[in-house]
Amino acid sequence: MSEQRPLDLGAFLREQRAAAQISLRKLGELAGVSGVYLSQIEGGLKKPSADILQKIAKGLQISAETLYVQAGILDAHRHSSTEAAILSDPRLNDAQRQALLSVLASFLADDSPESTSSNDS
């Protein structure tokens, strides 16, 4: 078991709940999210927003970044502290987070060695 393949988000959440010995209902209360919605996330029927993932992480007492990686919002091998800061800032709503992440990604893509040398005049 030296190399683990990544779990899908639903399986990861079930595993975390089991480890914490928390029912869906209890996690819903802790996170402020309905148990039905949590069940749909665990079943792969719903894709939660970054805000919801942050609430679930708080309920499970794990880092929101861990859930962002599992959900594919952050790349586990390439996430930056800037991305993590945007995703965890409680002053931003989900649409604002997504907009900032898109702008950041476009800036970083434009900052590649090929594009900076072709933009030099």
N, C-alpha and C. Protein backbone atom coordinates (compact mmCIF):
# COMPACT_ATOMS: atom_id res chain seq x y z
N MET A 1 0.81 -1.19 0.00
CA MET A 1 0.00 0.00 0.00
C MET A 1 0.86 1.26 0.00
N SER A 2 2.03 1.18 -0.64
CA SER A 2 2.92 2.33 -0.67
C SER A 2 2.43 3.40 -1.63
N GLU A 3 1.72 3.01 -2.70
CA GLU A 3 1.18 3.99 -3.64
C GLU A 3 -0.33 3.91 -3.63
N GLN A 4 -0.97 4.98 -3.17
CA GLN A 4 -2.43 4.98 -3.12
C GLN A 4 -2.96 5.73 -4.33
N ARG A 5 -3.98 5.16 -4.97
CA ARG A 5 -4.60 5.91 -6.05
C ARG A 5 -5.60 6.86 -5.42
N PRO A 6 -5.76 8.03 -6.01
CA PRO A 6 -6.66 9.00 -5.40
C PRO A 6 -8.10 8.52 -5.41
N LEU A 7 -8.81 8.82 -4.35
CA LEU A 7 -10.23 8.48 -4.24
C LEU A 7 -11.04 9.58 -4.90
N ASP A 8 -12.24 9.24 -5.35
CA ASP A 8 -13.12 10.32 -5.79
C ASP A 8 -13.57 11.07 -4.55
N LEU A 9 -14.11 12.25 -4.76
CA LEU A 9 -14.49 13.10 -3.64
C LEU A 9 -15.47 12.42 -2.70
N GLY A 10 -16.50 11.78 -3.26
CA GLY A 10 -17.51 11.11 -2.43
C GLY A 10 -16.92 10.03 -1.55
N ALA A 11 -16.07 9.19 -2.15
CA ALA A 11 -15.43 8.12 -1.38
C ALA A 11 -14.51 8.71 -0.31
N PHE A 12 -13.82 9.78 -0.66
CA PHE A 12 -12.93 10.43 0.31
C PHE A 12 -13.73 10.97 1.49
N LEU A 13 -14.86 11.61 1.20
CA LEU A 13 -15.70 12.14 2.29
C LEU A 13 -16.23 11.02 3.18
N ARG A 14 -16.68 9.93 2.56
CA ARG A 14 -17.17 8.78 3.36
C ARG A 14 -16.06 8.26 4.27
N GLU A 15 -14.85 8.14 3.71
CA GLU A 15 -13.72 7.66 4.48
C GLU A 15 -13.40 8.59 5.65
N GLN A 16 -13.45 9.89 5.41
CA GLN A 16 -13.17 10.87 6.46
C GLN A 16 -14.26 10.85 7.55
N ARG A 17 -15.50 10.71 7.13
CA ARG A 17 -16.60 10.62 8.11
C ARG A 17 -16.46 9.37 8.96
N ALA A 18 -16.11 8.26 8.30
CA ALA A 18 -15.94 7.00 9.03
C ALA A 18 -14.80 7.12 10.03
N ALA A 19 -13.72 7.72 9.60
CA ALA A 19 -12.57 7.89 10.51
C ALA A 19 -12.92 8.77 11.70
N ALA A 20 -13.75 9.78 11.46
CA ALA A 20 -14.16 10.69 12.53
C ALA A 20 -15.38 10.16 13.29
N GLN A 21 -15.94 9.04 12.83
CA GLN A 21 -17.13 8.44 13.43
C GLN A 21 -18.28 9.45 13.52
N ILE A 22 -18.55 10.09 12.35
CA ILE A 22 -19.61 11.08 12.26
C ILE A 22 -20.64 10.62 11.23
N SER A 23 -21.90 10.69 11.59
CA SER A 23 -22.97 10.34 10.64
C SER A 23 -23.17 11.48 9.65
N LEU A 24 -23.87 11.18 8.56
CA LEU A 24 -24.21 12.23 7.59
C LEU A 24 -25.00 13.34 8.27
N ARG A 25 -25.94 12.96 9.09
CA ARG A 25 -26.76 13.94 9.78
C ARG A 25 -25.91 14.85 10.68
N LYS A 26 -25.01 14.25 11.43
CA LYS A 26 -24.16 15.03 12.33
C LYS A 26 -23.23 15.95 11.55
N LEU A 27 -22.64 15.43 10.46
CA LEU A 27 -21.77 16.27 9.64
C LEU A 27 -22.57 17.43 9.05
N GLY A 28 -23.79 17.15 8.64
CA GLY A 28 -24.65 18.21 8.13
C GLY A 28 -24.86 19.31 9.16
N GLU A 29 -25.10 18.92 10.39
CA GLU A 29 -25.27 19.90 11.47
C GLU A 29 -23.99 20.70 11.70
N LEU A 30 -22.86 20.00 11.73
CA LEU A 30 -21.58 20.66 11.97
C LEU A 30 -21.19 21.61 10.84
N ALA A 31 -21.52 21.22 9.62
CA ALA A 31 -21.11 21.99 8.45
C ALA A 31 -22.17 23.00 8.01
N GLY A 32 -23.39 22.86 8.52
CA GLY A 32 -24.45 23.75 8.08
C GLY A 32 -24.92 23.43 6.67
N VAL A 33 -24.86 22.14 6.32
CA VAL A 33 -25.25 21.65 4.99
C VAL A 33 -26.24 20.51 5.23
N SER A 34 -27.25 20.38 4.38
CA SER A 34 -28.23 19.32 4.61
C SER A 34 -27.61 17.94 4.42
N GLY A 35 -28.07 16.99 5.21
CA GLY A 35 -27.61 15.61 5.10
C GLY A 35 -27.93 15.02 3.73
N VAL A 36 -29.05 15.42 3.16
CA VAL A 36 -29.43 14.94 1.83
C VAL A 36 -28.41 15.40 0.80
N TYR A 37 -28.02 16.67 0.88
CA TYR A 37 -27.03 17.21 -0.06
C TYR A 37 -25.68 16.50 0.13
N LEU A 38 -25.29 16.28 1.38
CA LEU A 38 -24.04 15.56 1.65
C LEU A 38 -24.09 14.15 1.06
N SER A 39 -25.23 13.50 1.18
CA SER A 39 -25.40 12.17 0.62
C SER A 39 -25.25 12.20 -0.90
N GLN A 40 -25.79 13.22 -1.52
CA GLN A 40 -25.68 13.36 -2.97
C GLN A 40 -24.23 13.62 -3.39
N ILE A 41 -23.50 14.37 -2.59
CA ILE A 41 -22.07 14.60 -2.88
C ILE A 41 -21.31 13.28 -2.76
N GLU A 42 -21.56 12.55 -1.67
CA GLU A 42 -20.88 11.28 -1.47
C GLU A 42 -21.23 10.28 -2.56
N GLY A 43 -22.42 10.36 -3.08
CA GLY A 43 -22.85 9.46 -4.14
C GLY A 43 -22.41 9.90 -5.53
N GLY A 44 -21.74 11.05 -5.61
CA GLY A 44 -21.27 11.55 -6.89
C GLY A 44 -22.33 12.22 -7.73
N LEU A 45 -23.49 12.51 -7.12
CA LEU A 45 -24.58 13.14 -7.86
C LEU A 45 -24.48 14.65 -7.91
N LYS A 46 -23.80 15.23 -6.95
CA LYS A 46 -23.64 16.69 -6.88
C LYS A 46 -22.17 17.04 -6.76
N LYS A 47 -21.79 18.15 -7.39
CA LYS A 47 -20.42 18.67 -7.27
C LYS A 47 -20.49 19.94 -6.43
N PRO A 48 -19.95 19.91 -5.23
CA PRO A 48 -20.07 21.05 -4.33
C PRO A 48 -19.16 22.21 -4.73
N SER A 49 -19.59 23.40 -4.34
CA SER A 49 -18.78 24.60 -4.57
C SER A 49 -17.64 24.64 -3.55
N ALA A 50 -16.72 25.57 -3.77
CA ALA A 50 -15.61 25.75 -2.83
C ALA A 50 -16.14 26.15 -1.46
N ASP A 51 -17.21 26.96 -1.42
CA ASP A 51 -17.80 27.36 -0.14
C ASP A 51 -18.31 26.16 0.64
N ILE A 52 -19.02 25.27 -0.05
CA ILE A 52 -19.57 24.08 0.60
C ILE A 52 -18.43 23.18 1.08
N LEU A 53 -17.41 23.01 0.24
CA LEU A 53 -16.26 22.19 0.64
C LEU A 53 -15.59 22.76 1.88
N GLN A 54 -15.53 24.08 1.96
CA GLN A 54 -14.93 24.70 3.14
C GLN A 54 -15.75 24.40 4.39
N LYS A 55 -17.07 24.44 4.26
CA LYS A 55 -17.95 24.12 5.40
C LYS A 55 -17.80 22.66 5.81
N ILE A 56 -17.73 21.77 4.82
CA ILE A 56 -17.57 20.34 5.12
C ILE A 56 -16.23 20.09 5.80
N ALA A 57 -15.19 20.74 5.30
CA ALA A 57 -13.86 20.58 5.91
C ALA A 57 -13.88 21.02 7.37
N LYS A 58 -14.56 22.12 7.64
CA LYS A 58 -14.67 22.60 9.03
C LYS A 58 -15.39 21.56 9.88
N GLY A 59 -16.48 20.99 9.35
CA GLY A 59 -17.22 19.97 10.08
C GLY A 59 -16.40 18.72 10.36
N LEU A 60 -15.56 18.36 9.40
CA LEU A 60 -14.70 17.17 9.56
C LEU A 60 -13.40 17.48 10.29
N GLN A 61 -13.14 18.75 10.52
CA GLN A 61 -11.91 19.21 11.14
C GLN A 61 -10.68 18.79 10.34
N ILE A 62 -10.77 19.01 9.02
CA ILE A 62 -9.63 18.80 8.13
C ILE A 62 -9.44 20.09 7.34
N SER A 63 -8.32 20.20 6.65
CA SER A 63 -8.09 21.42 5.89
C SER A 63 -8.97 21.47 4.66
N ALA A 64 -9.45 22.66 4.36
CA ALA A 64 -10.25 22.85 3.15
C ALA A 64 -9.40 22.53 1.92
N GLU A 65 -8.13 22.83 1.99
CA GLU A 65 -7.23 22.55 0.87
C GLU A 65 -7.24 21.07 0.50
N THR A 66 -7.32 20.21 1.50
CA THR A 66 -7.40 18.76 1.24
C THR A 66 -8.61 18.42 0.39
N LEU A 67 -9.75 19.02 0.72
CA LEU A 67 -10.96 18.77 -0.06
C LEU A 67 -10.89 19.42 -1.44
N TYR A 68 -10.25 20.58 -1.53
CA TYR A 68 -10.10 21.24 -2.83
C TYR A 68 -9.28 20.37 -3.78
N VAL A 69 -8.25 19.73 -3.25
CA VAL A 69 -7.43 18.83 -4.07
C VAL A 69 -8.26 17.63 -4.50
N GLN A 70 -9.02 17.03 -3.56
CA GLN A 70 -9.85 15.87 -3.89
C GLN A 70 -10.91 16.21 -4.92
N ALA A 71 -11.43 17.44 -4.86
CA ALA A 71 -12.48 17.86 -5.78
C ALA A 71 -11.93 18.32 -7.12
N GLY A 72 -10.60 18.41 -7.22
CA GLY A 72 -9.99 18.84 -8.48
C GLY A 72 -9.90 20.34 -8.63
N ILE A 73 -10.19 21.08 -7.57
CA ILE A 73 -10.08 22.54 -7.63
C ILE A 73 -8.62 22.95 -7.57
N LEU A 74 -7.85 22.27 -6.76
CA LEU A 74 -6.41 22.52 -6.66
C LEU A 74 -5.66 21.31 -7.18
N ASP A 75 -4.56 21.55 -7.84
CA ASP A 75 -3.67 20.47 -8.28
C ASP A 75 -2.75 20.14 -7.11
N ALA A 76 -2.76 18.91 -6.68
CA ALA A 76 -1.98 18.50 -5.51
C ALA A 76 -0.49 18.76 -5.68
N HIS A 77 0.00 18.69 -6.92
CA HIS A 77 1.43 18.85 -7.15
C HIS A 77 1.82 20.26 -7.52
N ARG A 78 0.84 21.12 -7.82
CA ARG A 78 1.17 22.42 -8.35
C ARG A 78 0.37 23.57 -7.75
N HIS A 79 -0.29 23.37 -6.63
CA HIS A 79 -1.06 24.48 -6.09
C HIS A 79 -0.15 25.48 -5.40
N SER A 80 -0.55 26.71 -5.44
CA SER A 80 0.26 27.77 -4.84
C SER A 80 -0.42 28.30 -3.60
N SER A 81 0.34 29.03 -2.83
CA SER A 81 -0.25 29.65 -1.65
C SER A 81 -1.26 30.71 -2.06
N THR A 82 -1.08 31.30 -3.23
CA THR A 82 -2.05 32.29 -3.71
C THR A 82 -3.40 31.63 -3.95
N GLU A 83 -3.40 30.48 -4.63
CA GLU A 83 -4.65 29.75 -4.86
C GLU A 83 -5.31 29.36 -3.56
N ALA A 84 -4.51 28.85 -2.64
CA ALA A 84 -5.05 28.43 -1.35
C ALA A 84 -5.64 29.62 -0.60
N ALA A 85 -4.98 30.78 -0.69
CA ALA A 85 -5.49 31.98 -0.01
C ALA A 85 -6.81 32.42 -0.61
N ILE A 86 -6.91 32.39 -1.93
CA ILE A 86 -8.16 32.77 -2.59
C ILE A 86 -9.28 31.83 -2.16
N LEU A 87 -9.01 30.54 -2.18
CA LEU A 87 -10.04 29.55 -1.86
C LEU A 87 -10.48 29.58 -0.41
N SER A 88 -9.59 30.00 0.47
CA SER A 88 -9.94 29.96 1.89
C SER A 88 -10.39 31.31 2.45
N ASP A 89 -10.40 32.36 1.63
CA ASP A 89 -10.77 33.68 2.12
C ASP A 89 -12.29 33.77 2.32
N PRO A 90 -12.73 33.91 3.56
CA PRO A 90 -14.17 33.93 3.84
C PRO A 90 -14.88 35.20 3.33
N ARG A 91 -14.12 36.23 2.96
CA ARG A 91 -14.74 37.47 2.45
C ARG A 91 -15.22 37.33 1.02
N LEU A 92 -14.77 36.27 0.32
CA LEU A 92 -15.12 36.08 -1.08
C LEU A 92 -16.26 35.07 -1.20
N ASN A 93 -17.13 35.29 -2.18
CA ASN A 93 -18.13 34.26 -2.47
C ASN A 93 -17.57 33.34 -3.54
N ASP A 94 -18.32 32.28 -3.87
CA ASP A 94 -17.81 31.27 -4.80
C ASP A 94 -17.53 31.85 -6.18
N ALA A 95 -18.40 32.71 -6.67
CA ALA A 95 -18.20 33.31 -8.00
C ALA A 95 -16.94 34.18 -8.02
N GLN A 96 -16.71 34.92 -6.96
CA GLN A 96 -15.52 35.76 -6.87
C GLN A 96 -14.25 34.89 -6.83
N ARG A 97 -14.30 33.80 -6.08
CA ARG A 97 -13.15 32.89 -6.01
C ARG A 97 -12.83 32.34 -7.39
N GLN A 98 -13.86 31.87 -8.09
CA GLN A 98 -13.64 31.28 -9.41
C GLN A 98 -13.09 32.32 -10.38
N ALA A 99 -13.58 33.55 -10.31
CA ALA A 99 -13.08 34.62 -11.19
C ALA A 99 -11.61 34.91 -10.90
N LEU A 100 -11.28 35.02 -9.63
CA LEU A 100 -9.87 35.29 -9.27
C LEU A 100 -8.96 34.15 -9.67
N LEU A 101 -9.40 32.91 -9.49
CA LEU A 101 -8.59 31.77 -9.90
C LEU A 101 -8.39 31.74 -11.41
N SER A 102 -9.41 32.13 -12.16
CA SER A 102 -9.29 32.18 -13.62
C SER A 102 -8.29 33.24 -14.05
N VAL A 103 -8.37 34.41 -13.42
CA VAL A 103 -7.43 35.48 -13.74
C VAL A 103 -6.00 35.06 -13.38
N LEU A 104 -5.84 34.46 -12.21
CA LEU A 104 -4.52 33.99 -11.79
C LEU A 104 -3.97 32.97 -12.78
N ALA A 105 -4.80 32.02 -13.18
CA ALA A 105 -4.35 31.00 -14.12
C ALA A 105 -3.93 31.63 -15.45
N SER A 106 -4.68 32.65 -15.91
CA SER A 106 -4.31 33.29 -17.17
C SER A 106 -3.00 34.06 -17.03
N PHE A 107 -2.79 34.71 -15.89
CA PHE A 107 -1.52 35.40 -15.66
C PHE A 107 -0.36 34.42 -15.63
N LEU A 108 -0.55 33.31 -14.94
CA LEU A 108 0.53 32.33 -14.83
C LEU A 108 0.82 31.69 -16.19
N ALA A 109 -0.20 31.46 -16.98
CA ALA A 109 0.00 30.91 -18.32
C ALA A 109 0.74 31.91 -19.20
N ASP A 110 0.44 33.20 -19.05
CA ASP A 110 1.12 34.24 -19.81
C ASP A 110 2.55 34.46 -19.34
N ASP A 111 2.87 33.95 -18.15
CA ASP A 111 4.20 34.15 -17.57
C ASP A 111 5.16 33.03 -17.95
N SER A 112 4.75 32.15 -18.87
CA SER A 112 5.64 31.08 -19.27
C SER A 112 6.82 31.64 -20.04
N PRO A 113 7.99 30.96 -20.05
CA PRO A 113 9.18 31.48 -20.73
C PRO A 113 8.94 31.78 -22.21
N GLU A 114 8.13 30.95 -22.89
CA GLU A 114 7.88 31.18 -24.30
C GLU A 114 7.12 32.47 -24.52
N SER A 115 6.06 32.72 -23.69
CA SER A 115 5.24 33.89 -23.91
C SER A 115 5.94 35.17 -23.49
N THR A 116 6.80 35.12 -22.46
CA THR A 116 7.49 36.34 -22.05
C THR A 116 8.55 36.73 -23.07
N SER A 117 9.21 35.77 -23.70
CA SER A 117 10.22 36.11 -24.69
C SER A 117 9.56 36.62 -25.97
N SER A 118 8.37 36.12 -26.33
CA SER A 118 7.70 36.59 -27.53
C SER A 118 7.02 37.93 -27.31
N ASN A 119 6.76 38.29 -26.04
CA ASN A 119 6.14 39.57 -25.75
C ASN A 119 7.15 40.69 -25.59
N ASP A 120 8.41 40.34 -25.46
CA ASP A 120 9.45 41.37 -25.31
C ASP A 120 9.63 42.09 -26.63
N SER A 121 9.74 43.41 -26.59
CA SER A 121 9.91 44.17 -27.81
C SER A 121 11.29 44.72 -27.93
